[in-house]
Amino acid sequence: MHGIRDSRLEGHPYQGIVNSYVGVPLREGDALIGTFCHFDFPALPLPDAEFALMRDAAGLLAQHVR
């Protein structure tokens, strides 16, 4: 969903400015310990290969969060 039409952002100062957002969970076992995020100003799809890279990076980053 694009930020311009996302009703959860209604009234937020960045509505319509940050239009692409992807978050990948950082996990330690079953526990959520953070989120690895990417955002863009234009509304752009994230290619599958880049999502896979983010997911793999999140697995590595999670080892260094605590």
PDB file of N, CA and C in Angstrom:
ATOM      1  N   MET A   1       0.853  -1.180   0.000  1.00  0.00           N
ATOM      2  CA  MET A   1       0.000   0.000   0.000  1.00  0.00           C
ATOM      3  C   MET A   1       0.892   1.233   0.000  1.00  0.00           C
ATOM      4  N   HIS A   2       0.550   2.208  -0.761  1.00  0.00           N
ATOM      5  CA  HIS A   2       1.312   3.447  -0.821  1.00  0.00           C
ATOM      6  C   HIS A   2       0.952   4.340   0.355  1.00  0.00           C
ATOM      7  N   GLY A   3       1.960   5.055   0.886  1.00  0.00           N
ATOM      8  CA  GLY A   3       1.772   5.927   2.033  1.00  0.00           C
ATOM      9  C   GLY A   3       0.718   6.996   1.825  1.00  0.00           C
ATOM     10  N   ILE A   4       0.518   7.409   0.595  1.00  0.00           N
ATOM     11  CA  ILE A   4      -0.465   8.453   0.318  1.00  0.00           C
ATOM     12  C   ILE A   4      -1.872   7.975   0.670  1.00  0.00           C
ATOM     13  N   ARG A   5      -2.156   6.680   0.443  1.00  0.00           N
ATOM     14  CA  ARG A   5      -3.506   6.149   0.651  1.00  0.00           C
ATOM     15  C   ARG A   5      -3.654   5.365   1.956  1.00  0.00           C
ATOM     16  N   ASP A   6      -2.597   5.215   2.720  1.00  0.00           N
ATOM     17  CA  ASP A   6      -2.644   4.426   3.949  1.00  0.00           C
ATOM     18  C   ASP A   6      -3.300   5.247   5.055  1.00  0.00           C
ATOM     19  N   SER A   7      -4.510   4.863   5.440  1.00  0.00           N
ATOM     20  CA  SER A   7      -5.260   5.642   6.426  1.00  0.00           C
ATOM     21  C   SER A   7      -4.582   5.673   7.790  1.00  0.00           C
ATOM     22  N   ARG A   8      -3.680   4.717   8.067  1.00  0.00           N
ATOM     23  CA  ARG A   8      -2.979   4.722   9.353  1.00  0.00           C
ATOM     24  C   ARG A   8      -2.046   5.925   9.482  1.00  0.00           C
ATOM     25  N   LEU A   9      -1.730   6.554   8.363  1.00  0.00           N
ATOM     26  CA  LEU A   9      -0.842   7.713   8.378  1.00  0.00           C
ATOM     27  C   LEU A   9      -1.602   9.032   8.371  1.00  0.00           C
ATOM     28  N   GLU A  10      -2.900   8.966   8.461  1.00  0.00           N
ATOM     29  CA  GLU A  10      -3.716  10.182   8.390  1.00  0.00           C
ATOM     30  C   GLU A  10      -3.226  11.219   9.395  1.00  0.00           C
ATOM     31  N   GLY A  11      -2.849  12.381   8.879  1.00  0.00           N
ATOM     32  CA  GLY A  11      -2.380  13.481   9.713  1.00  0.00           C
ATOM     33  C   GLY A  11      -0.903  13.433  10.058  1.00  0.00           C
ATOM     34  N   HIS A  12      -0.202  12.366   9.680  1.00  0.00           N
ATOM     35  CA  HIS A  12       1.226  12.261   9.982  1.00  0.00           C
ATOM     36  C   HIS A  12       2.008  13.191   9.045  1.00  0.00           C
ATOM     37  N   PRO A  13       3.018  13.907   9.562  1.00  0.00           N
ATOM     38  CA  PRO A  13       3.740  14.866   8.716  1.00  0.00           C
ATOM     39  C   PRO A  13       4.478  14.232   7.535  1.00  0.00           C
ATOM     40  N   TYR A  14       4.791  12.920   7.596  1.00  0.00           N
ATOM     41  CA  TYR A  14       5.508  12.278   6.487  1.00  0.00           C
ATOM     42  C   TYR A  14       4.578  11.569   5.510  1.00  0.00           C
ATOM     43  N   GLN A  15       3.275  11.677   5.709  1.00  0.00           N
ATOM     44  CA  GLN A  15       2.340  11.069   4.763  1.00  0.00           C
ATOM     45  C   GLN A  15       2.549  11.700   3.394  1.00  0.00           C
ATOM     46  N   GLY A  16       2.754  10.859   2.395  1.00  0.00           N
ATOM     47  CA  GLY A  16       2.984  11.351   1.041  1.00  0.00           C
ATOM     48  C   GLY A  16       4.428  11.684   0.752  1.00  0.00           C
ATOM     49  N   ILE A  17       5.319  11.577   1.751  1.00  0.00           N
ATOM     50  CA  ILE A  17       6.748  11.855   1.539  1.00  0.00           C
ATOM     51  C   ILE A  17       7.518  10.545   1.491  1.00  0.00           C
ATOM     52  N   VAL A  18       7.390   9.730   2.527  1.00  0.00           N
ATOM     53  CA  VAL A  18       7.977   8.392   2.536  1.00  0.00           C
ATOM     54  C   VAL A  18       6.902   7.452   2.016  1.00  0.00           C
ATOM     55  N   ASN A  19       7.102   6.926   0.812  1.00  0.00           N
ATOM     56  CA  ASN A  19       6.048   6.171   0.139  1.00  0.00           C
ATOM     57  C   ASN A  19       6.342   4.689  -0.031  1.00  0.00           C
ATOM     58  N   SER A  20       7.532   4.237   0.318  1.00  0.00           N
ATOM     59  CA  SER A  20       7.867   2.818   0.256  1.00  0.00           C
ATOM     60  C   SER A  20       8.550   2.439   1.556  1.00  0.00           C
ATOM     61  N   TYR A  21       8.093   1.360   2.175  1.00  0.00           N
ATOM     62  CA  TYR A  21       8.657   0.927   3.443  1.00  0.00           C
ATOM     63  C   TYR A  21       8.589  -0.586   3.518  1.00  0.00           C
ATOM     64  N   VAL A  22       9.714  -1.202   3.904  1.00  0.00           N
ATOM     65  CA  VAL A  22       9.770  -2.646   4.109  1.00  0.00           C
ATOM     66  C   VAL A  22      10.493  -2.883   5.431  1.00  0.00           C
ATOM     67  N   GLY A  23       9.940  -3.729   6.265  1.00  0.00           N
ATOM     68  CA  GLY A  23      10.577  -4.100   7.520  1.00  0.00           C
ATOM     69  C   GLY A  23      10.690  -5.609   7.630  1.00  0.00           C
ATOM     70  N   VAL A  24      11.852  -6.078   8.076  1.00  0.00           N
ATOM     71  CA  VAL A  24      12.107  -7.505   8.258  1.00  0.00           C
ATOM     72  C   VAL A  24      12.429  -7.726   9.736  1.00  0.00           C
ATOM     73  N   PRO A  25      11.780  -8.689  10.373  1.00  0.00           N
ATOM     74  CA  PRO A  25      12.014  -8.887  11.807  1.00  0.00           C
ATOM     75  C   PRO A  25      13.417  -9.417  12.103  1.00  0.00           C
ATOM     76  N   LEU A  26      13.987  -8.927  13.209  1.00  0.00           N
ATOM     77  CA  LEU A  26      15.214  -9.489  13.759  1.00  0.00           C
ATOM     78  C   LEU A  26      14.768 -10.411  14.887  1.00  0.00           C
ATOM     79  N   ARG A  27      15.142 -11.664  14.796  1.00  0.00           N
ATOM     80  CA  ARG A  27      14.674 -12.648  15.774  1.00  0.00           C
ATOM     81  C   ARG A  27      15.845 -13.343  16.454  1.00  0.00           C
ATOM     82  N   GLU A  28      15.597 -13.664  17.705  1.00  0.00           N
ATOM     83  CA  GLU A  28      16.496 -14.518  18.470  1.00  0.00           C
ATOM     84  C   GLU A  28      15.635 -15.681  18.931  1.00  0.00           C
ATOM     85  N   GLY A  29      15.731 -16.789  18.212  1.00  0.00           N
ATOM     86  CA  GLY A  29      14.804 -17.893  18.453  1.00  0.00           C
ATOM     87  C   GLY A  29      13.406 -17.449  18.064  1.00  0.00           C
ATOM     88  N   ASP A  30      12.468 -17.572  18.984  1.00  0.00           N
ATOM     89  CA  ASP A  30      11.088 -17.132  18.734  1.00  0.00           C
ATOM     90  C   ASP A  30      10.855 -15.688  19.145  1.00  0.00           C
ATOM     91  N   ALA A  31      11.849 -15.049  19.765  1.00  0.00           N
ATOM     92  CA  ALA A  31      11.675 -13.682  20.281  1.00  0.00           C
ATOM     93  C   ALA A  31      11.982 -12.643  19.201  1.00  0.00           C
ATOM     94  N   LEU A  32      11.111 -11.654  19.091  1.00  0.00           N
ATOM     95  CA  LEU A  32      11.343 -10.512  18.216  1.00  0.00           C
ATOM     96  C   LEU A  32      12.220  -9.526  18.980  1.00  0.00           C
ATOM     97  N   ILE A  33      13.401  -9.197  18.426  1.00  0.00           N
ATOM     98  CA  ILE A  33      14.329  -8.309  19.135  1.00  0.00           C
ATOM     99  C   ILE A  33      14.576  -7.001  18.382  1.00  0.00           C
ATOM    100  N   GLY A  34      13.975  -6.847  17.220  1.00  0.00           N
ATOM    101  CA  GLY A  34      14.135  -5.611  16.468  1.00  0.00           C
ATOM    102  C   GLY A  34      13.590  -5.748  15.063  1.00  0.00           C
ATOM    103  N   THR A  35      13.855  -4.733  14.260  1.00  0.00           N
ATOM    104  CA  THR A  35      13.402  -4.717  12.870  1.00  0.00           C
ATOM    105  C   THR A  35      14.478  -4.080  12.000  1.00  0.00           C
ATOM    106  N   PHE A  36      14.759  -4.688  10.871  1.00  0.00           N
ATOM    107  CA  PHE A  36      15.670  -4.151   9.865  1.00  0.00           C
ATOM    108  C   PHE A  36      14.787  -3.527   8.786  1.00  0.00           C
ATOM    109  N   CYS A  37      14.931  -2.218   8.571  1.00  0.00           N
ATOM    110  CA  CYS A  37      13.991  -1.492   7.710  1.00  0.00           C
ATOM    111  C   CYS A  37      14.678  -0.797   6.538  1.00  0.00           C
ATOM    112  N   HIS A  38      13.897  -0.612   5.504  1.00  0.00           N
ATOM    113  CA  HIS A  38      14.308   0.127   4.314  1.00  0.00           C
ATOM    114  C   HIS A  38      13.143   1.016   3.904  1.00  0.00           C
ATOM    115  N   PHE A  39      13.445   2.278   3.535  1.00  0.00           N
ATOM    116  CA  PHE A  39      12.383   3.137   3.022  1.00  0.00           C
ATOM    117  C   PHE A  39      12.900   3.936   1.843  1.00  0.00           C
ATOM    118  N   ASP A  40      11.964   4.375   1.020  1.00  0.00           N
ATOM    119  CA  ASP A  40      12.251   5.225  -0.138  1.00  0.00           C
ATOM    120  C   ASP A  40      11.205   6.321  -0.204  1.00  0.00           C
ATOM    121  N   PHE A  41      11.582   7.424  -0.788  1.00  0.00           N
ATOM    122  CA  PHE A  41      10.635   8.522  -0.981  1.00  0.00           C
ATOM    123  C   PHE A  41       9.666   8.225  -2.123  1.00  0.00           C
ATOM    124  N   PRO A  42      10.146   7.736  -3.285  1.00  0.00           N
ATOM    125  CA  PRO A  42       9.161   7.369  -4.311  1.00  0.00           C
ATOM    126  C   PRO A  42       8.516   6.024  -3.982  1.00  0.00           C
ATOM    127  N   ALA A  43       7.332   5.808  -4.500  1.00  0.00           N
ATOM    128  CA  ALA A  43       6.629   4.536  -4.304  1.00  0.00           C
ATOM    129  C   ALA A  43       7.208   3.511  -5.277  1.00  0.00           C
ATOM    130  N   LEU A  44       8.162   2.717  -4.780  1.00  0.00           N
ATOM    131  CA  LEU A  44       8.843   1.727  -5.609  1.00  0.00           C
ATOM    132  C   LEU A  44       8.668   0.339  -5.017  1.00  0.00           C
ATOM    133  N   PRO A  45       8.455  -0.663  -5.862  1.00  0.00           N
ATOM    134  CA  PRO A  45       8.410  -2.032  -5.342  1.00  0.00           C
ATOM    135  C   PRO A  45       9.827  -2.497  -4.995  1.00  0.00           C
ATOM    136  N   LEU A  46       9.952  -3.338  -3.998  1.00  0.00           N
ATOM    137  CA  LEU A  46      11.239  -3.919  -3.645  1.00  0.00           C
ATOM    138  C   LEU A  46      11.358  -5.247  -4.378  1.00  0.00           C
ATOM    139  N   PRO A  47      12.355  -5.394  -5.246  1.00  0.00           N
ATOM    140  CA  PRO A  47      12.512  -6.659  -5.975  1.00  0.00           C
ATOM    141  C   PRO A  47      12.717  -7.835  -5.016  1.00  0.00           C
ATOM    142  N   ASP A  48      12.267  -9.008  -5.428  1.00  0.00           N
ATOM    143  CA  ASP A  48      12.375 -10.200  -4.595  1.00  0.00           C
ATOM    144  C   ASP A  48      13.807 -10.461  -4.140  1.00  0.00           C
ATOM    145  N   ALA A  49      14.774 -10.246  -5.026  1.00  0.00           N
ATOM    146  CA  ALA A  49      16.180 -10.491  -4.673  1.00  0.00           C
ATOM    147  C   ALA A  49      16.642  -9.548  -3.557  1.00  0.00           C
ATOM    148  N   GLU A  50      16.179  -8.316  -3.575  1.00  0.00           N
ATOM    149  CA  GLU A  50      16.547  -7.369  -2.518  1.00  0.00           C
ATOM    150  C   GLU A  50      15.855  -7.717  -1.208  1.00  0.00           C
ATOM    151  N   PHE A  51      14.620  -8.205  -1.282  1.00  0.00           N
ATOM    152  CA  PHE A  51      13.937  -8.647  -0.068  1.00  0.00           C
ATOM    153  C   PHE A  51      14.678  -9.836   0.541  1.00  0.00           C
ATOM    154  N   ALA A  52      15.113 -10.762  -0.305  1.00  0.00           N
ATOM    155  CA  ALA A  52      15.868 -11.921   0.180  1.00  0.00           C
ATOM    156  C   ALA A  52      17.170 -11.469   0.843  1.00  0.00           C
ATOM    157  N   LEU A  53      17.826 -10.466   0.270  1.00  0.00           N
ATOM    158  CA  LEU A  53      19.054  -9.927   0.864  1.00  0.00           C
ATOM    159  C   LEU A  53      18.757  -9.318   2.235  1.00  0.00           C
ATOM    160  N   MET A  54      17.672  -8.562   2.338  1.00  0.00           N
ATOM    161  CA  MET A  54      17.288  -7.989   3.632  1.00  0.00           C
ATOM    162  C   MET A  54      17.004  -9.083   4.660  1.00  0.00           C
ATOM    163  N   ARG A  55      16.306 -10.112   4.250  1.00  0.00           N
ATOM    164  CA  ARG A  55      15.982 -11.217   5.159  1.00  0.00           C
ATOM    165  C   ARG A  55      17.260 -11.906   5.643  1.00  0.00           C
ATOM    166  N   ASP A  56      18.196 -12.134   4.724  1.00  0.00           N
ATOM    167  CA  ASP A  56      19.463 -12.760   5.099  1.00  0.00           C
ATOM    168  C   ASP A  56      20.278 -11.848   6.009  1.00  0.00           C
ATOM    169  N   ALA A  57      20.294 -10.558   5.691  1.00  0.00           N
ATOM    170  CA  ALA A  57      21.025  -9.599   6.522  1.00  0.00           C
ATOM    171  C   ALA A  57      20.421  -9.523   7.917  1.00  0.00           C
ATOM    172  N   ALA A  58      19.108  -9.600   8.023  1.00  0.00           N
ATOM    173  CA  ALA A  58      18.448  -9.559   9.327  1.00  0.00           C
ATOM    174  C   ALA A  58      18.888 -10.743  10.183  1.00  0.00           C
ATOM    175  N   GLY A  59      19.054 -11.887   9.560  1.00  0.00           N
ATOM    176  CA  GLY A  59      19.530 -13.071  10.299  1.00  0.00           C
ATOM    177  C   GLY A  59      20.920 -12.861  10.866  1.00  0.00           C
ATOM    178  N   LEU A  60      21.779 -12.184  10.100  1.00  0.00           N
ATOM    179  CA  LEU A  60      23.135 -11.890  10.571  1.00  0.00           C
ATOM    180  C   LEU A  60      23.147 -10.780  11.614  1.00  0.00           C
ATOM    181  N   LEU A  61      22.360  -9.737  11.375  1.00  0.00           N
ATOM    182  CA  LEU A  61      22.321  -8.603  12.304  1.00  0.00           C
ATOM    183  C   LEU A  61      21.789  -8.993  13.675  1.00  0.00           C
ATOM    184  N   ALA A  62      20.837  -9.908  13.700  1.00  0.00           N
ATOM    185  CA  ALA A  62      20.219 -10.299  14.958  1.00  0.00           C
ATOM    186  C   ALA A  62      21.251 -10.825  15.952  1.00  0.00           C
ATOM    187  N   GLN A  63      22.332 -11.390  15.457  1.00  0.00           N
ATOM    188  CA  GLN A  63      23.382 -11.932  16.321  1.00  0.00           C
ATOM    189  C   GLN A  63      24.145 -10.828  17.059  1.00  0.00           C
ATOM    190  N   HIS A  64      24.013  -9.580  16.586  1.00  0.00           N
ATOM    191  CA  HIS A  64      24.815  -8.482  17.144  1.00  0.00           C
ATOM    192  C   HIS A  64      23.976  -7.404  17.846  1.00  0.00           C
ATOM    193  N   VAL A  65      22.673  -7.633  17.972  1.00  0.00           N
ATOM    194  CA  VAL A  65      21.798  -6.624  18.549  1.00  0.00           C
ATOM    195  C   VAL A  65      21.910  -6.582  20.067  1.00  0.00           C
ATOM    196  N   ARG A  66      21.996  -7.710  20.685  1.00  0.00           N
ATOM    197  CA  ARG A  66      22.036  -7.730  22.164  1.00  0.00           C
ATOM    198  C   ARG A  66      23.443  -7.673  22.672  1.00  0.00           C
TER     199      ARG A  66
END
